[in-house]
Amino acid sequence: MSDTTPHSSSSSSSSGAASPETHVIDYRAAEQLLAARDPRGAVKLLDSVIAAHPENTAARLLRARAFFAAAQLRPAELEFELVLEREPDNAFAHFALARTHERSGRPEQARKHFRLAAALDPQPEYLQAARFED
């Protein structure tokens, strides 16, 4: 299971390095920026969080969503794929990657991930996008 917020087991140094608390604040601020339709601002905050915590899947997923919202489809695709390497059963990541493929004009790749999302979590939006009846 992924972390829900960035954290670190080490304490911050007095050399001016960002503390674990700063990373949590930046992560939460990035969530707010994305909700306020400022995906580029969210990406900027998340870059430093991910640099300090590259293993943090939640931060990577949020950055992927921000890239997608900013129409930066290739970076979004790479982040969603990285999340899925770590969490192959993440239905939302499959769905979001499918939307990314769809926007990039790759319907067959999109369909595959829509179907995986629906199989993992049969919620109505995922099932509709999967088009199993086709």
C-alpha atoms as a PDB file:
ATOM      1  CA  MET A   1       0.000   0.000   0.000  1.00  0.00           C
ATOM      2  CA  SER A   2       1.249   3.488  -0.747  1.00  0.00           C
ATOM      3  CA  ASP A   3       2.010   6.202   1.701  1.00  0.00           C
ATOM      4  CA  THR A   4      -0.766   8.742   1.961  1.00  0.00           C
ATOM      5  CA  THR A   5       1.518  11.681   2.580  1.00  0.00           C
ATOM      6  CA  PRO A   6       5.206  12.238   2.162  1.00  0.00           C
ATOM      7  CA  HIS A   7       7.304  11.575   5.231  1.00  0.00           C
ATOM      8  CA  SER A   8      10.795  10.745   6.254  1.00  0.00           C
ATOM      9  CA  SER A   9      12.289   8.939   9.168  1.00  0.00           C
ATOM     10  CA  SER A  10      15.215  11.327   9.357  1.00  0.00           C
ATOM     11  CA  SER A  11      15.045  14.669  11.021  1.00  0.00           C
ATOM     12  CA  SER A  12      15.858  17.809   9.111  1.00  0.00           C
ATOM     13  CA  SER A  13      19.266  19.302   9.426  1.00  0.00           C
ATOM     14  CA  SER A  14      20.085  22.874  10.267  1.00  0.00           C
ATOM     15  CA  SER A  15      21.693  23.280   6.840  1.00  0.00           C
ATOM     16  CA  GLY A  16      18.490  24.701   5.392  1.00  0.00           C
ATOM     17  CA  ALA A  17      17.185  21.418   3.998  1.00  0.00           C
ATOM     18  CA  ALA A  18      13.441  21.046   3.930  1.00  0.00           C
ATOM     19  CA  SER A  19      12.024  19.157   6.858  1.00  0.00           C
ATOM     20  CA  PRO A  20       9.607  16.234   6.574  1.00  0.00           C
ATOM     21  CA  GLU A  21       6.926  18.607   7.847  1.00  0.00           C
ATOM     22  CA  THR A  22       7.684  20.996   4.971  1.00  0.00           C
ATOM     23  CA  HIS A  23       7.159  18.162   2.514  1.00  0.00           C
ATOM     24  CA  VAL A  24       3.784  17.333   4.031  1.00  0.00           C
ATOM     25  CA  ILE A  25       2.803  20.994   3.855  1.00  0.00           C
ATOM     26  CA  ASP A  26       3.938  21.165   0.221  1.00  0.00           C
ATOM     27  CA  TYR A  27       1.994  17.993  -0.606  1.00  0.00           C
ATOM     28  CA  ARG A  28      -1.184  19.398   0.966  1.00  0.00           C
ATOM     29  CA  ALA A  29      -0.651  22.745  -0.761  1.00  0.00           C
ATOM     30  CA  ALA A  30      -0.226  20.922  -4.074  1.00  0.00           C
ATOM     31  CA  GLU A  31      -3.575  19.187  -3.492  1.00  0.00           C
ATOM     32  CA  GLN A  32      -5.157  22.592  -2.946  1.00  0.00           C
ATOM     33  CA  LEU A  33      -3.506  24.080  -6.037  1.00  0.00           C
ATOM     34  CA  LEU A  34      -4.743  21.196  -8.170  1.00  0.00           C
ATOM     35  CA  ALA A  35      -8.257  21.633  -6.781  1.00  0.00           C
ATOM     36  CA  ALA A  36      -7.998  25.368  -7.547  1.00  0.00           C
ATOM     37  CA  ARG A  37      -7.048  24.551 -11.156  1.00  0.00           C
ATOM     38  CA  ASP A  38      -3.371  25.474 -10.871  1.00  0.00           C
ATOM     39  CA  PRO A  39      -1.766  22.198 -11.957  1.00  0.00           C
ATOM     40  CA  ARG A  40       1.548  23.796 -12.894  1.00  0.00           C
ATOM     41  CA  GLY A  41       1.879  25.254  -9.406  1.00  0.00           C
ATOM     42  CA  ALA A  42       1.085  21.834  -7.973  1.00  0.00           C
ATOM     43  CA  VAL A  43       3.792  20.210 -10.105  1.00  0.00           C
ATOM     44  CA  LYS A  44       6.368  22.735  -8.886  1.00  0.00           C
ATOM     45  CA  LEU A  45       5.606  21.924  -5.247  1.00  0.00           C
ATOM     46  CA  LEU A  46       5.562  18.198  -5.861  1.00  0.00           C
ATOM     47  CA  ASP A  47       8.908  18.193  -7.665  1.00  0.00           C
ATOM     48  CA  SER A  48      10.730  18.944  -4.400  1.00  0.00           C
ATOM     49  CA  VAL A  49       8.597  16.482  -2.436  1.00  0.00           C
ATOM     50  CA  ILE A  50       9.347  13.698  -4.912  1.00  0.00           C
ATOM     51  CA  ALA A  51      13.031  14.606  -5.057  1.00  0.00           C
ATOM     52  CA  ALA A  52      13.160  14.046  -1.286  1.00  0.00           C
ATOM     53  CA  HIS A  53      10.790  11.040  -1.291  1.00  0.00           C
ATOM     54  CA  PRO A  54      10.989   9.300  -4.695  1.00  0.00           C
ATOM     55  CA  GLU A  55       9.339   6.186  -3.254  1.00  0.00           C
ATOM     56  CA  ASN A  56       6.177   8.062  -2.271  1.00  0.00           C
ATOM     57  CA  THR A  57       3.454   6.768  -4.566  1.00  0.00           C
ATOM     58  CA  ALA A  58       0.801   9.207  -3.344  1.00  0.00           C
ATOM     59  CA  ALA A  59       2.956  12.193  -4.291  1.00  0.00           C
ATOM     60  CA  ARG A  60       3.692  10.657  -7.693  1.00  0.00           C
ATOM     61  CA  LEU A  61       0.007   9.997  -8.305  1.00  0.00           C
ATOM     62  CA  LEU A  62      -0.838  13.581  -7.403  1.00  0.00           C
ATOM     63  CA  ARG A  63       1.910  14.849  -9.724  1.00  0.00           C
ATOM     64  CA  ALA A  64       0.592  12.613 -12.522  1.00  0.00           C
ATOM     65  CA  ARG A  65      -2.869  14.112 -12.046  1.00  0.00           C
ATOM     66  CA  ALA A  66      -1.364  17.610 -12.141  1.00  0.00           C
ATOM     67  CA  PHE A  67       0.551  16.838 -15.351  1.00  0.00           C
ATOM     68  CA  PHE A  68      -2.674  15.512 -16.891  1.00  0.00           C
ATOM     69  CA  ALA A  69      -4.603  18.622 -15.843  1.00  0.00           C
ATOM     70  CA  ALA A  70      -1.859  20.778 -17.382  1.00  0.00           C
ATOM     71  CA  ALA A  71      -2.142  18.771 -20.636  1.00  0.00           C
ATOM     72  CA  GLN A  72       1.420  17.508 -20.196  1.00  0.00           C
ATOM     73  CA  LEU A  73       0.425  14.059 -21.354  1.00  0.00           C
ATOM     74  CA  ARG A  74       3.813  12.353 -21.717  1.00  0.00           C
ATOM     75  CA  PRO A  75       4.966  13.253 -18.177  1.00  0.00           C
ATOM     76  CA  ALA A  76       1.520  12.212 -16.887  1.00  0.00           C
ATOM     77  CA  GLU A  77       1.785   8.877 -18.673  1.00  0.00           C
ATOM     78  CA  LEU A  78       5.241   8.204 -17.239  1.00  0.00           C
ATOM     79  CA  GLU A  79       4.106   8.993 -13.684  1.00  0.00           C
ATOM     80  CA  PHE A  80       0.940   6.874 -13.954  1.00  0.00           C
ATOM     81  CA  GLU A  81       3.039   3.988 -15.301  1.00  0.00           C
ATOM     82  CA  LEU A  82       5.486   4.320 -12.416  1.00  0.00           C
ATOM     83  CA  VAL A  83       2.592   4.217  -9.943  1.00  0.00           C
ATOM     84  CA  LEU A  84       1.263   1.091 -11.659  1.00  0.00           C
ATOM     85  CA  GLU A  85       4.676  -0.599 -11.505  1.00  0.00           C
ATOM     86  CA  ARG A  86       4.484  -0.195  -7.739  1.00  0.00           C
ATOM     87  CA  GLU A  87       0.737  -0.745  -7.365  1.00  0.00           C
ATOM     88  CA  PRO A  88      -0.571  -2.831 -10.275  1.00  0.00           C
ATOM     89  CA  ASP A  89      -3.958  -3.104  -8.565  1.00  0.00           C
ATOM     90  CA  ASN A  90      -4.521   0.678  -8.387  1.00  0.00           C
ATOM     91  CA  ALA A  91      -7.782   1.031 -10.316  1.00  0.00           C
ATOM     92  CA  PHE A  92      -7.678   4.831 -10.315  1.00  0.00           C
ATOM     93  CA  ALA A  93      -4.169   4.862 -11.817  1.00  0.00           C
ATOM     94  CA  HIS A  94      -5.322   2.488 -14.586  1.00  0.00           C
ATOM     95  CA  PHE A  95      -8.334   4.709 -15.254  1.00  0.00           C
ATOM     96  CA  ALA A  96      -6.249   7.883 -15.306  1.00  0.00           C
ATOM     97  CA  LEU A  97      -3.617   6.286 -17.548  1.00  0.00           C
ATOM     98  CA  ALA A  98      -6.433   5.224 -19.879  1.00  0.00           C
ATOM     99  CA  ARG A  99      -7.710   8.822 -20.017  1.00  0.00           C
ATOM    100  CA  THR A 100      -4.152   9.935 -20.788  1.00  0.00           C
ATOM    101  CA  HIS A 101      -3.876   7.427 -23.652  1.00  0.00           C
ATOM    102  CA  GLU A 102      -7.304   8.508 -24.879  1.00  0.00           C
ATOM    103  CA  ARG A 103      -6.247  12.180 -24.978  1.00  0.00           C
ATOM    104  CA  SER A 104      -3.034  11.151 -26.746  1.00  0.00           C
ATOM    105  CA  GLY A 105      -4.996   9.439 -29.511  1.00  0.00           C
ATOM    106  CA  ARG A 106      -4.206   5.844 -28.515  1.00  0.00           C
ATOM    107  CA  PRO A 107      -7.636   4.231 -28.109  1.00  0.00           C
ATOM    108  CA  GLU A 108      -6.466   0.604 -27.931  1.00  0.00           C
ATOM    109  CA  GLN A 109      -4.053   1.313 -25.065  1.00  0.00           C
ATOM    110  CA  ALA A 110      -6.780   3.357 -23.390  1.00  0.00           C
ATOM    111  CA  ARG A 111      -9.298   0.530 -23.673  1.00  0.00           C
ATOM    112  CA  LYS A 112      -6.905  -1.938 -22.045  1.00  0.00           C
ATOM    113  CA  HIS A 113      -6.467   0.267 -18.983  1.00  0.00           C
ATOM    114  CA  PHE A 114     -10.162   1.216 -18.814  1.00  0.00           C
ATOM    115  CA  ARG A 115     -10.946  -2.503 -18.653  1.00  0.00           C
ATOM    116  CA  LEU A 116      -8.315  -3.161 -16.015  1.00  0.00           C
ATOM    117  CA  ALA A 117      -9.709  -0.300 -13.912  1.00  0.00           C
ATOM    118  CA  ALA A 118     -13.243  -1.676 -14.209  1.00  0.00           C
ATOM    119  CA  ALA A 119     -12.129  -5.212 -13.373  1.00  0.00           C
ATOM    120  CA  LEU A 120     -10.296  -3.990 -10.273  1.00  0.00           C
ATOM    121  CA  ASP A 121     -13.059  -1.627  -9.116  1.00  0.00           C
ATOM    122  CA  PRO A 122     -16.413  -2.018 -10.882  1.00  0.00           C
ATOM    123  CA  GLN A 123     -17.680   1.486 -10.187  1.00  0.00           C
ATOM    124  CA  PRO A 124     -20.063   2.920 -12.802  1.00  0.00           C
ATOM    125  CA  GLU A 125     -17.622   5.435 -14.341  1.00  0.00           C
ATOM    126  CA  TYR A 126     -14.997   2.737 -14.870  1.00  0.00           C
ATOM    127  CA  LEU A 127     -17.510   0.225 -16.239  1.00  0.00           C
ATOM    128  CA  GLN A 128     -18.944   2.746 -18.690  1.00  0.00           C
ATOM    129  CA  ALA A 129     -15.483   3.691 -19.958  1.00  0.00           C
ATOM    130  CA  ALA A 130     -14.497   0.013 -20.307  1.00  0.00           C
ATOM    131  CA  ARG A 131     -17.289  -0.627 -22.837  1.00  0.00           C
ATOM    132  CA  PHE A 132     -17.322  -4.370 -22.145  1.00  0.00           C
ATOM    133  CA  GLU A 133     -20.410  -4.743 -24.337  1.00  0.00           C
ATOM    134  CA  ASP A 134     -18.444  -3.708 -27.463  1.00  0.00           C
END
